Amino acid sequence: MKLSLTALLASAASSVMATRYCDPATSVCYDQMVVPSYDVAYRVAVPDVATAPFDILLQIAAPKSVGWAGVAWGGQMTLNPLTVGWANNDKTVVSSRWAP
């Protein structure tokens, strides 16, 4: 599975690092962008032969101290689908949102 994350985080700070991450538990390989200043990794995998509409795999790895982390699928927060996640005690909450 693959996807270039350049479009997802094109407006991110120049300190963002793009790398490849393969999950040892699932053997799924993701393209990832790491924001070192927050210790957050955004990971996305798309099937090699995807034609719209298709499913994606999204992982956001962040410390609890960040509070919440998310992805704006259109490149900016307003008028685009959002996927956000945060810790709630010992569980992870994931939510789809839309910001007008």
Protein backbone atom coordinates (compact mmCIF):
# COMPACT_ATOMS: atom_id res chain seq x y z
CA MET A 1 0.00 0.00 0.00
CA LYS A 2 1.32 3.47 -0.74
CA LEU A 3 0.50 7.14 -0.96
CA SER A 4 2.65 10.22 -1.15
CA LEU A 5 1.88 12.46 1.83
CA THR A 6 3.27 15.54 0.11
CA ALA A 7 -0.22 16.74 -0.79
CA LEU A 8 -1.57 16.06 2.69
CA LEU A 9 1.00 18.17 4.49
CA ALA A 10 2.15 20.52 1.73
CA SER A 11 1.68 23.58 3.89
CA ALA A 12 3.49 22.08 6.91
CA ALA A 13 6.66 23.55 8.36
CA SER A 14 9.97 22.75 6.69
CA SER A 15 11.00 20.73 9.76
CA VAL A 16 8.57 17.95 8.78
CA MET A 17 10.36 14.74 7.76
CA ALA A 18 8.94 12.28 5.21
CA THR A 19 9.84 8.62 5.73
CA ARG A 20 8.46 5.11 5.25
CA TYR A 21 7.12 3.11 8.21
CA CYS A 22 6.22 -0.58 8.15
CA ASP A 23 4.05 -1.76 11.04
CA PRO A 24 5.62 -4.93 12.46
CA ALA A 25 2.27 -6.22 13.75
CA THR A 26 0.37 -5.94 10.45
CA SER A 27 3.15 -5.79 7.81
CA VAL A 28 1.39 -2.76 6.30
CA CYS A 29 3.80 -0.12 5.03
CA TYR A 30 2.83 3.54 5.32
CA ASP A 31 4.25 6.77 4.02
CA GLN A 32 4.70 8.93 7.06
CA MET A 33 5.32 12.56 7.89
CA VAL A 34 6.85 13.25 11.29
CA VAL A 35 6.56 16.63 13.00
CA PRO A 36 9.55 16.47 15.37
CA SER A 37 8.61 19.55 17.39
CA TYR A 38 5.42 17.78 18.54
CA ASP A 39 6.67 14.17 18.25
CA VAL A 40 3.67 13.37 16.02
CA ALA A 41 3.72 10.91 13.10
CA TYR A 42 0.99 10.93 10.43
CA ARG A 43 0.88 7.64 8.49
CA VAL A 44 -1.26 6.86 5.44
CA ALA A 45 -1.50 3.75 3.26
CA VAL A 46 -3.63 3.40 0.12
CA PRO A 47 -3.96 0.24 -2.00
CA ASP A 48 -1.45 0.16 -4.89
CA VAL A 49 -4.21 -0.08 -7.49
CA ALA A 50 -6.79 2.23 -5.91
CA THR A 51 -9.57 3.74 -7.96
CA ALA A 52 -12.01 6.13 -6.33
CA PRO A 53 -13.77 5.57 -4.06
CA PHE A 54 -11.33 3.51 -2.01
CA ASP A 55 -10.44 2.87 1.61
CA ILE A 56 -7.30 4.19 3.25
CA LEU A 57 -5.46 3.28 6.40
CA LEU A 58 -4.59 6.19 8.67
CA GLN A 59 -2.41 6.12 11.77
CA ILE A 60 -1.63 9.13 13.91
CA ALA A 61 1.00 8.43 16.55
CA ALA A 62 1.20 11.21 19.12
CA PRO A 63 1.94 11.56 22.81
CA LYS A 64 -1.02 12.27 25.11
CA SER A 65 0.52 15.63 25.91
CA VAL A 66 -0.38 16.85 22.41
CA GLY A 67 -4.07 16.68 23.39
CA TRP A 68 -5.47 15.84 19.97
CA ALA A 69 -4.19 15.39 16.42
CA GLY A 70 -5.92 15.27 13.07
CA VAL A 71 -5.80 15.36 9.29
CA ALA A 72 -7.64 17.81 7.05
CA TRP A 73 -8.08 15.82 3.84
CA GLY A 74 -8.34 18.88 1.62
CA GLY A 75 -5.17 20.54 2.89
CA GLN A 76 -6.86 23.07 5.15
CA MET A 77 -9.27 22.74 8.03
CA THR A 78 -12.30 24.65 6.73
CA LEU A 79 -14.70 23.15 4.19
CA ASN A 80 -12.89 19.81 4.09
CA PRO A 81 -13.39 16.42 5.73
CA LEU A 82 -11.39 16.09 8.95
CA THR A 83 -10.25 13.03 10.87
CA VAL A 84 -9.28 13.74 14.48
CA GLY A 85 -8.24 11.58 17.40
CA TRP A 86 -7.47 11.97 21.08
CA ALA A 87 -6.96 9.90 24.21
CA ASN A 88 -9.87 9.51 26.62
CA ASN A 89 -8.50 7.76 29.71
CA ASP A 90 -7.27 4.37 28.44
CA LYS A 91 -9.15 4.50 25.11
CA THR A 92 -8.53 6.24 21.79
CA VAL A 93 -11.35 8.28 20.29
CA VAL A 94 -11.49 8.81 16.51
CA SER A 95 -13.98 11.18 14.95
CA SER A 96 -14.85 12.48 11.48
CA ARG A 97 -15.62 16.19 11.42
CA TRP A 98 -16.44 19.07 9.10
CA ALA A 99 -15.56 22.71 9.85
CA PRO A 100 -17.60 25.38 8.04
